[in-house]
Amino acid sequence: MTKLLVGAVAAMCAVTWAPPAAADVPGLVDIGDGRGLFLDCQGEGTPTVFVIPGKGSYAEAWNAAVVPDDPVRSSPYDVIDRANVAPTPESVQPIVARSTRICVYDRPNTRPDGPDKSTPVTQPHAVQQDVDDVVRLIAAAGLPTPMVFVAHSYGALVLDLLARQRPDLVSGLVFTEPTSEFLRVVGRPDQNAAFNADAQTAAPGEEAVLPDDAFAAIGAAPPLPRVPALVLSADRFADPAALKPDNYTQAQIRQANDMLAEALGTVDVVIPGTGHNQMLYQPRAIADQILTVVDEVRATG
């Protein structure tokens, strides 16, 4: 659930209130109760792809990438915090938009600045609140369903619960470097406790989440739907010098991802040259995997 550092990615969208039918102007969609969520939809075609970002991350991460000549690309470790990240048309959202419609949103307390921030909420917050927000946003924006959902990091817990509670909205699933529901199964008690505590810790105004709440909600929900799906894992991990004894290991994370893939009836695909924020390292490869599921949905629809 590593927070994505995207300070180098400038806010590019003026504030608007998007009407029903999800106009292509990025901006805030009124979801009721005086709240707005930022939504950016690009491209045409079906099924629509809907992206759920990771903890502390937001839509611009899907419109940016590590610059081609950045030295971090040759590092054996995931050092995204040192990367030069910049907006580019060769990032995941615009690549996918050449083949179908794709929408990405901002959860509350993720975008650090700009006039188009989603309405803040009290932190930390429960995963059910995120699921409810996605459902309300889809309805308020007039997005066609069922759709292919893509989730990164903590977003995977949101999508896991959403898919179980509202399978009618789901035609396909892609989990990129997910926070797998099986992490607690493979983790030691001290690792699980540290992970849960860390996720609840954030600077004032930033996003904080409740993993134990999410794992419990998923465990009590109906089974995952059987739809075209993929799980994507990275081949790079943090520098060992930056890790603590109670961090999950790469082997444990991979095992948990394999278990998630098995529960979905699919495979865990390792994407070479990627760290946790796979969409920034290898946007073309991630877009291609998303479009693989899109094509399968089209073929079976």
Protein backbone atom coordinates (compact mmCIF):
# COMPACT_ATOMS: atom_id res chain seq x y z
CA MET A 1 0.00 0.00 0.00
CA THR A 2 2.96 2.27 -0.62
CA LYS A 3 1.86 5.85 -1.17
CA LEU A 4 2.61 7.10 -4.66
CA LEU A 5 4.78 10.21 -4.67
CA VAL A 6 3.61 12.19 -7.68
CA GLY A 7 4.71 15.70 -6.84
CA ALA A 8 6.29 15.94 -10.27
CA VAL A 9 2.92 15.37 -11.90
CA ALA A 10 1.24 18.76 -12.23
CA ALA A 11 -2.53 19.12 -11.88
CA MET A 12 -3.81 19.56 -15.40
CA CYS A 13 -7.57 19.80 -14.96
CA ALA A 14 -9.77 22.82 -14.20
CA VAL A 15 -12.62 22.32 -11.76
CA THR A 16 -16.00 21.39 -13.26
CA TRP A 17 -19.06 19.49 -12.15
CA ALA A 18 -19.46 16.62 -14.62
CA PRO A 19 -23.05 16.05 -15.77
CA PRO A 20 -24.68 12.63 -16.23
CA ALA A 21 -23.25 10.57 -19.11
CA ALA A 22 -19.72 11.37 -17.88
CA ALA A 23 -18.60 14.13 -20.20
CA ASP A 24 -14.96 14.00 -21.24
CA VAL A 25 -14.12 17.13 -19.23
CA PRO A 26 -12.26 15.91 -16.11
CA GLY A 27 -13.74 17.30 -12.94
CA LEU A 28 -15.86 16.78 -9.87
CA VAL A 29 -18.98 14.64 -10.02
CA ASP A 30 -21.68 15.42 -7.44
CA ILE A 31 -22.41 12.15 -5.58
CA GLY A 32 -24.83 13.72 -3.10
CA ASP A 33 -24.63 14.90 0.50
CA GLY A 34 -22.62 17.92 -0.64
CA ARG A 35 -19.73 15.74 -1.79
CA GLY A 36 -17.89 15.55 -5.10
CA LEU A 37 -15.42 13.00 -6.44
CA PHE A 38 -12.93 13.81 -9.20
CA LEU A 39 -13.45 11.71 -12.34
CA ASP A 40 -11.45 11.60 -15.57
CA CYS A 41 -12.92 9.58 -18.46
CA GLN A 42 -11.15 9.18 -21.80
CA GLY A 43 -11.83 7.26 -25.02
CA GLU A 44 -14.84 5.52 -26.49
CA GLY A 45 -16.07 1.95 -26.62
CA THR A 46 -17.27 -0.85 -24.39
CA PRO A 47 -16.78 -2.28 -21.91
CA THR A 48 -15.83 0.77 -19.88
CA VAL A 49 -12.71 0.33 -17.74
CA PHE A 50 -12.88 1.82 -14.23
CA VAL A 51 -9.66 2.27 -12.21
CA ILE A 52 -9.49 2.24 -8.40
CA PRO A 53 -6.12 3.74 -7.33
CA GLY A 54 -3.98 2.73 -4.37
CA LYS A 55 -3.78 4.37 -0.96
CA GLY A 56 -2.81 8.03 -1.26
CA SER A 57 -2.71 7.78 -5.06
CA TYR A 58 -5.04 9.36 -7.59
CA ALA A 59 -6.01 9.67 -11.24
CA GLU A 60 -2.93 11.49 -12.52
CA ALA A 61 -0.78 8.43 -11.76
CA TRP A 62 -2.56 6.72 -14.66
CA ASN A 63 -1.65 9.59 -16.98
CA ALA A 64 2.07 9.66 -16.14
CA ALA A 65 5.16 7.48 -16.21
CA VAL A 66 8.79 7.38 -15.14
CA VAL A 67 10.68 9.25 -17.88
CA PRO A 68 12.43 6.87 -20.32
CA ASP A 69 16.03 7.76 -19.43
CA ASP A 70 15.57 7.86 -15.64
CA PRO A 71 18.35 5.91 -13.84
CA VAL A 72 15.80 4.27 -11.54
CA ARG A 73 14.78 2.09 -14.48
CA SER A 74 18.11 0.26 -14.24
CA SER A 75 17.97 -0.17 -10.46
CA PRO A 76 17.42 -3.73 -9.21
CA TYR A 77 15.14 -2.28 -6.52
CA ASP A 78 11.82 -0.46 -6.46
CA VAL A 79 12.92 3.14 -5.86
CA ILE A 80 9.94 5.06 -7.24
CA ASP A 81 10.47 7.80 -4.64
CA ARG A 82 13.65 8.80 -6.53
CA ALA A 83 12.02 8.74 -9.98
CA ASN A 84 11.28 11.59 -12.34
CA VAL A 85 7.59 11.05 -13.05
CA ALA A 86 5.95 13.16 -15.76
CA PRO A 87 2.65 13.31 -17.67
CA THR A 88 2.80 11.47 -20.99
CA PRO A 89 0.38 10.21 -23.66
CA GLU A 90 2.22 6.90 -23.37
CA SER A 91 0.77 6.20 -19.92
CA VAL A 92 -1.90 3.66 -19.03
CA GLN A 93 -5.09 5.70 -19.32
CA PRO A 94 -4.43 7.27 -22.76
CA ILE A 95 -3.11 3.97 -24.13
CA VAL A 96 -6.24 2.08 -23.03
CA ALA A 97 -8.41 4.99 -24.25
CA ARG A 98 -7.31 4.25 -27.82
CA SER A 99 -9.23 0.98 -27.60
CA THR A 100 -12.10 1.59 -25.16
CA ARG A 101 -13.46 4.06 -22.62
CA ILE A 102 -11.51 4.27 -19.36
CA CYS A 103 -12.34 6.26 -16.22
CA VAL A 104 -10.13 6.95 -13.20
CA TYR A 105 -11.22 8.71 -10.01
CA ASP A 106 -9.73 10.26 -6.88
CA ARG A 107 -10.75 9.04 -3.45
CA PRO A 108 -11.06 11.73 -0.77
CA ASN A 109 -7.82 12.97 0.80
CA THR A 110 -5.56 11.71 -1.99
CA ARG A 111 -4.86 14.62 -4.37
CA PRO A 112 -2.63 17.02 -2.38
CA ASP A 113 -3.56 20.29 -4.09
CA GLY A 114 -5.54 21.97 -6.85
CA PRO A 115 -9.15 23.17 -7.10
CA ASP A 116 -10.54 19.81 -8.27
CA LYS A 117 -9.87 17.73 -5.16
CA SER A 118 -12.49 15.20 -4.08
CA THR A 119 -14.37 16.32 -0.98
CA PRO A 120 -12.32 15.35 2.11
CA VAL A 121 -13.72 12.92 4.70
CA THR A 122 -12.68 11.87 8.18
CA GLN A 123 -9.63 9.58 8.22
CA PRO A 124 -8.98 6.73 8.70
CA HIS A 125 -12.04 5.38 6.94
CA ALA A 126 -13.62 1.97 6.34
CA VAL A 127 -13.49 0.08 3.05
CA GLN A 128 -17.30 -0.03 2.84
CA GLN A 129 -17.27 3.75 2.49
CA ASP A 130 -15.01 3.42 -0.56
CA VAL A 131 -17.25 0.75 -2.10
CA ASP A 132 -20.33 2.90 -1.55
CA ASP A 133 -18.57 5.92 -3.08
CA VAL A 134 -17.65 3.97 -6.23
CA VAL A 135 -21.23 2.76 -6.64
CA ARG A 136 -22.59 6.29 -6.17
CA LEU A 137 -20.02 7.75 -8.55
CA ILE A 138 -20.85 5.25 -11.29
CA ALA A 139 -24.55 6.10 -10.99
CA ALA A 140 -24.05 9.87 -10.75
CA ALA A 141 -21.74 9.94 -13.77
CA GLY A 142 -24.02 7.73 -15.84
CA LEU A 143 -21.31 5.18 -16.55
CA PRO A 144 -22.49 2.05 -18.39
CA THR A 145 -22.23 -1.26 -16.57
CA PRO A 146 -21.07 -3.97 -16.27
CA MET A 147 -17.48 -2.81 -16.62
CA VAL A 148 -13.91 -3.99 -16.32
CA PHE A 149 -12.46 -2.84 -13.00
CA VAL A 150 -8.74 -2.26 -12.45
CA ALA A 151 -7.39 -1.88 -8.91
CA HIS A 152 -3.95 -1.04 -7.56
CA SER A 153 -2.59 -1.72 -4.07
CA TYR A 154 -5.22 -0.81 -1.39
CA GLY A 155 -7.68 -0.33 -4.26
CA ALA A 156 -7.70 -4.13 -4.55
CA LEU A 157 -9.43 -4.43 -1.18
CA VAL A 158 -12.05 -1.95 -2.37
CA LEU A 159 -12.53 -3.89 -5.60
CA ASP A 160 -12.54 -7.27 -3.86
CA LEU A 161 -15.45 -6.20 -1.65
CA LEU A 162 -17.22 -4.34 -4.47
CA ALA A 163 -17.10 -7.38 -6.77
CA ARG A 164 -18.53 -9.60 -4.04
CA GLN A 165 -21.32 -7.20 -3.10
CA ARG A 166 -22.21 -5.92 -6.58
CA PRO A 167 -21.30 -8.59 -9.16
CA ASP A 168 -23.90 -7.04 -11.47
CA LEU A 169 -21.50 -4.13 -12.04
CA VAL A 170 -18.54 -6.34 -12.95
CA SER A 171 -17.62 -7.86 -16.32
CA GLY A 172 -13.86 -8.21 -15.72
CA LEU A 173 -11.21 -7.72 -13.03
CA VAL A 174 -7.55 -6.68 -13.09
CA PHE A 175 -5.54 -6.47 -9.86
CA THR A 176 -2.16 -4.74 -10.28
CA GLU A 177 0.22 -5.21 -7.32
CA PRO A 178 -2.80 -5.74 -5.09
CA THR A 179 -3.16 -5.68 -1.36
CA SER A 180 -4.38 -9.26 -1.47
CA GLU A 181 -7.10 -10.44 0.88
CA PHE A 182 -4.75 -13.36 1.66
CA LEU A 183 -1.95 -11.23 3.14
CA ARG A 184 -3.18 -11.96 6.66
CA VAL A 185 -3.08 -15.69 5.88
CA VAL A 186 0.58 -15.69 4.85
CA GLY A 187 1.75 -13.02 7.30
CA ARG A 188 3.00 -13.49 10.84
CA PRO A 189 1.05 -11.79 13.67
CA ASP A 190 3.70 -9.08 14.05
CA GLN A 191 3.69 -8.38 10.31
CA ASN A 192 -0.10 -8.15 10.19
CA ALA A 193 -0.18 -5.83 13.20
CA ALA A 194 2.50 -3.57 11.74
CA PHE A 195 0.76 -3.42 8.36
CA ASN A 196 -2.58 -2.54 9.95
CA ALA A 197 -1.03 0.18 12.13
CA ASP A 198 0.99 1.69 9.28
CA ALA A 199 -2.03 1.96 6.99
CA GLN A 200 -3.92 3.94 9.63
CA THR A 201 -1.08 6.43 9.99
CA ALA A 202 -1.07 9.52 7.78
CA ALA A 203 -0.26 13.20 7.93
CA PRO A 204 -3.20 15.53 8.59
CA GLY A 205 -5.40 15.73 5.51
CA GLU A 206 -3.98 12.60 3.90
CA GLU A 207 -5.69 9.25 3.32
CA ALA A 208 -5.59 6.56 6.00
CA VAL A 209 -7.30 3.18 5.79
CA LEU A 210 -8.26 0.23 7.99
CA PRO A 211 -6.90 -3.06 6.59
CA ASP A 212 -8.26 -5.27 9.38
CA ASP A 213 -11.72 -3.82 8.76
CA ALA A 214 -11.34 -4.53 5.05
CA PHE A 215 -10.15 -8.12 5.56
CA ALA A 216 -13.10 -8.78 7.90
CA ALA A 217 -15.64 -7.25 5.50
CA ILE A 218 -14.30 -9.31 2.60
CA GLY A 219 -14.34 -12.48 4.70
CA ALA A 220 -18.02 -11.95 5.50
CA ALA A 221 -19.05 -11.15 1.91
CA PRO A 222 -20.33 -13.53 -0.82
CA PRO A 223 -17.80 -15.28 -3.10
CA LEU A 224 -15.95 -13.48 -5.86
CA PRO A 225 -17.70 -13.59 -9.24
CA ARG A 226 -16.15 -15.73 -11.96
CA VAL A 227 -15.41 -13.27 -14.76
CA PRO A 228 -12.33 -12.71 -16.96
CA ALA A 229 -9.58 -11.65 -14.55
CA LEU A 230 -5.85 -11.19 -14.07
CA VAL A 231 -3.51 -10.54 -11.15
CA LEU A 232 -0.32 -8.62 -11.94
CA SER A 233 2.79 -8.72 -9.73
CA ALA A 234 6.05 -6.76 -9.81
CA ASP A 235 9.52 -8.27 -10.10
CA ARG A 236 11.24 -5.49 -8.14
CA PHE A 237 11.06 -5.01 -4.38
CA ALA A 238 12.25 -2.37 -1.94
CA ASP A 239 15.95 -2.05 -1.13
CA PRO A 240 16.64 -4.47 1.76
CA ALA A 241 18.26 -1.60 3.66
CA ALA A 242 14.90 0.20 3.69
CA LEU A 243 12.92 -2.75 5.05
CA LYS A 244 12.04 -3.46 8.68
CA PRO A 245 11.84 -6.95 10.24
CA ASP A 246 8.04 -6.74 10.45
CA ASN A 247 7.52 -5.83 6.78
CA TYR A 248 6.00 -8.47 4.53
CA THR A 249 8.58 -10.12 2.30
CA GLN A 250 8.35 -10.21 -1.48
CA ALA A 251 7.84 -13.97 -1.29
CA GLN A 252 4.86 -13.53 1.03
CA ILE A 253 3.31 -10.87 -1.18
CA ARG A 254 3.76 -13.07 -4.24
CA GLN A 255 2.22 -16.02 -2.40
CA ALA A 256 -0.79 -13.91 -1.39
CA ASN A 257 -1.17 -12.75 -4.99
CA ASP A 258 -1.05 -16.34 -6.22
CA MET A 259 -3.81 -17.22 -3.76
CA LEU A 260 -5.92 -14.30 -4.97
CA ALA A 261 -5.43 -15.43 -8.57
CA GLU A 262 -6.53 -18.95 -7.62
CA ALA A 263 -9.67 -17.56 -5.94
CA LEU A 264 -10.45 -15.69 -9.16
CA GLY A 265 -9.81 -18.73 -11.33
CA THR A 266 -6.94 -17.01 -13.13
CA VAL A 267 -3.15 -16.57 -13.01
CA ASP A 268 -0.69 -14.21 -11.34
CA VAL A 269 1.40 -12.59 -14.09
CA VAL A 270 4.80 -11.10 -13.17
CA ILE A 271 5.47 -7.93 -15.20
CA PRO A 272 9.24 -7.47 -15.75
CA GLY A 273 10.80 -4.11 -14.94
CA THR A 274 8.10 -3.02 -12.52
CA GLY A 275 7.91 -2.10 -8.87
CA HIS A 276 4.80 -1.63 -6.74
CA ASN A 277 3.57 1.28 -8.90
CA GLN A 278 3.58 -0.83 -12.03
CA MET A 279 1.65 1.69 -14.12
CA LEU A 280 4.50 4.20 -13.76
CA TYR A 281 7.29 1.77 -14.63
CA GLN A 282 5.78 -0.09 -17.59
CA PRO A 283 2.53 1.59 -18.67
CA ARG A 284 2.39 -0.18 -22.02
CA ALA A 285 2.66 -3.61 -20.40
CA ILE A 286 -0.04 -2.82 -17.84
CA ALA A 287 -2.32 -1.35 -20.51
CA ASP A 288 -1.84 -4.47 -22.62
CA GLN A 289 -2.88 -6.71 -19.71
CA ILE A 290 -5.98 -4.58 -19.10
CA LEU A 291 -6.88 -4.82 -22.78
CA THR A 292 -6.42 -8.59 -22.66
CA VAL A 293 -9.28 -8.74 -20.16
CA VAL A 294 -11.30 -6.21 -22.19
CA ASP A 295 -10.91 -8.39 -25.27
CA GLU A 296 -11.95 -11.50 -23.34
CA VAL A 297 -15.05 -9.71 -22.05
CA ARG A 298 -15.92 -8.66 -25.59
CA ALA A 299 -15.42 -12.19 -26.87
CA THR A 300 -17.61 -13.77 -24.18
CA GLY A 301 -20.25 -11.00 -24.18
